[in-house]
Protein backbone atom coordinates (compact mmCIF):
# COMPACT_ATOMS: atom_id res chain seq x y z
CA MET A 1 16.50 -3.01 7.14
CA ASN A 2 18.00 -3.62 3.74
CA ARG A 3 17.21 -4.14 0.25
CA THR A 4 16.05 -7.86 0.54
CA VAL A 5 13.48 -6.40 2.91
CA LEU A 6 12.16 -3.77 0.61
CA THR A 7 12.58 -6.10 -2.46
CA GLU A 8 10.02 -8.22 -1.03
CA ARG A 9 8.04 -5.86 0.00
CA LEU A 10 7.49 -4.39 -3.46
CA ARG A 11 7.06 -8.02 -5.19
CA ALA A 12 3.99 -8.64 -2.35
CA LEU A 13 2.59 -5.12 -3.46
CA ASP A 14 2.61 -6.16 -6.99
CA ASP A 15 0.79 -9.40 -6.69
CA GLN A 16 -1.68 -7.83 -4.31
CA LEU A 17 -2.42 -4.98 -6.86
CA ALA A 18 -2.78 -7.49 -9.29
CA ARG A 19 -5.43 -9.78 -7.53
CA LEU A 20 -7.05 -6.02 -6.73
CA ASP A 21 -7.31 -4.97 -10.50
CA ALA A 22 -8.66 -8.68 -11.33
CA ASP A 23 -10.86 -8.39 -8.53
CA ALA A 24 -11.92 -4.47 -9.97
CA ALA A 25 -12.27 -5.97 -13.56
CA SER A 26 -14.44 -8.73 -12.39
CA LEU A 27 -17.06 -6.52 -10.20
CA ARG A 28 -17.09 -4.02 -13.55
CA ALA A 29 -18.69 -6.80 -15.17
CA ASP A 30 -20.71 -7.53 -12.35
CA ARG A 31 -21.86 -3.94 -12.23
CA ALA A 32 -22.61 -4.03 -16.28
CA ASP A 33 -24.91 -7.14 -15.62
CA ALA A 34 -28.73 -5.32 -15.46
CA THR A 35 -30.27 -8.10 -13.91
CA ALA A 36 -27.88 -7.91 -11.04
CA ASP A 37 -29.90 -6.05 -8.07
CA ASP A 38 -27.66 -6.58 -4.84
CA GLU A 39 -28.74 -3.40 -3.58
CA HIS A 40 -31.78 -4.91 -2.53
CA ASP A 41 -29.64 -8.51 -1.39
CA PRO A 42 -29.80 -8.90 2.44
CA GLU A 43 -27.55 -11.43 2.17
CA GLY A 44 -24.40 -10.07 1.13
CA SER A 45 -22.55 -6.88 0.36
CA THR A 46 -23.90 -4.50 -2.23
CA LEU A 47 -21.51 -4.14 -5.52
CA SER A 48 -21.45 -0.50 -4.35
CA GLY A 49 -19.92 -1.38 -1.26
CA GLU A 50 -17.80 -3.81 -2.67
CA TRP A 51 -16.07 -1.36 -5.61
CA GLN A 52 -15.26 1.05 -2.35
CA ARG A 53 -13.75 -1.47 -0.62
CA ILE A 54 -11.34 -2.13 -3.56
CA GLU A 55 -11.05 0.94 -4.47
CA ALA A 56 -9.95 1.61 -1.22
CA LEU A 57 -7.41 -1.15 -0.53
CA LEU A 58 -5.99 -0.16 -4.28
CA ASP A 59 -5.37 3.30 -3.14
CA ALA A 60 -3.28 2.06 -0.10
CA ALA A 61 -1.46 -0.63 -1.73
CA ARG A 62 -0.68 2.15 -4.96
CA ARG A 63 0.66 4.71 -1.99
CA ASP A 64 2.62 1.99 -0.26
CA ARG A 65 4.33 1.17 -3.15
CA VAL A 66 5.41 4.62 -3.86
CA ALA A 67 6.90 4.49 -0.50
CA VAL A 68 8.59 1.29 -0.62
CA ILE A 69 10.25 2.56 -4.30
CA ASP A 70 11.28 5.79 -2.67
CA ALA A 71 13.04 3.88 0.37
CA LEU A 72 14.58 1.65 -2.37
CA SER A 73 16.28 5.08 -3.91
CA ARG A 74 17.25 5.76 -0.65
CA VAL A 75 19.07 2.63 0.15
CA ASP A 76 20.71 3.26 -3.46
CA ALA A 77 21.41 7.15 -2.81
CA GLY A 78 23.16 5.57 0.61
CA THR A 79 20.79 7.95 2.60
CA TYR A 80 18.25 5.39 3.78
CA GLY A 81 17.55 5.14 7.42
CA SER A 82 18.69 8.66 8.01
CA CYS A 83 16.18 11.30 9.13
CA ILE A 84 14.75 13.39 6.11
CA ARG A 85 14.55 16.47 8.65
CA CYS A 86 16.95 16.52 11.06
CA GLY A 87 19.24 14.20 9.49
CA GLN A 88 19.86 11.69 12.39
CA PRO A 89 19.71 8.37 12.24
CA ILE A 90 16.04 6.59 12.13
CA PRO A 91 16.12 3.97 14.98
CA ALA A 92 16.33 0.40 13.86
CA ALA A 93 13.26 -0.87 15.59
CA ARG A 94 11.38 1.75 14.03
CA LEU A 95 12.56 0.96 10.08
CA GLU A 96 11.85 -2.94 11.47
CA VAL A 97 8.13 -1.78 12.30
CA ILE A 98 7.96 0.84 9.36
CA PRO A 99 10.70 0.19 6.64
CA THR A 100 9.65 2.71 4.54
CA ALA A 101 9.77 5.74 7.20
CA THR A 102 11.42 8.49 6.61
CA MET A 103 11.83 10.48 9.64
CA CYS A 104 13.17 9.56 13.24
CA VAL A 105 10.48 9.25 16.27
CA PRO A 106 11.15 13.02 17.38
CA CYS A 107 10.42 14.29 13.95
CA ALA A 108 7.63 12.35 13.32
CA SER A 109 5.80 13.58 16.27
CA ALA A 110 6.64 16.93 15.84
C-alpha cells in the first residue's frame, strides 16, 4: 500500500465529513422548527433517529480519518507495513483490505 491510496482515502473521508456536516446542519435547522412533529409520522424516520444515524456516521468517519493520518505518518517514518506489536511485516493482502492496519494477523488476533 502506498501514500497515494492513503491520500485518496483521506480525501474521500474529508468529502464524506463535509457532506455529513451539511446533513447535520440541515437536521439542526429542522429540529429547531417547533412545528416539525416527526415523532408521530408513520411514513419516515424521526429526526431523532436521523440525528443518531448522522452522528454515528460522523464518529466513524472521524475515527477512520485519524487512522489514515496515522498510517501516513508511518509511511513518512518508514514503518508502514510493520506490525507495531512484533515488528514483523504485515502481509500485503491484509494492507490491501485494511490499509490502516497496524498489526499482523497473529498479533491482531491475540
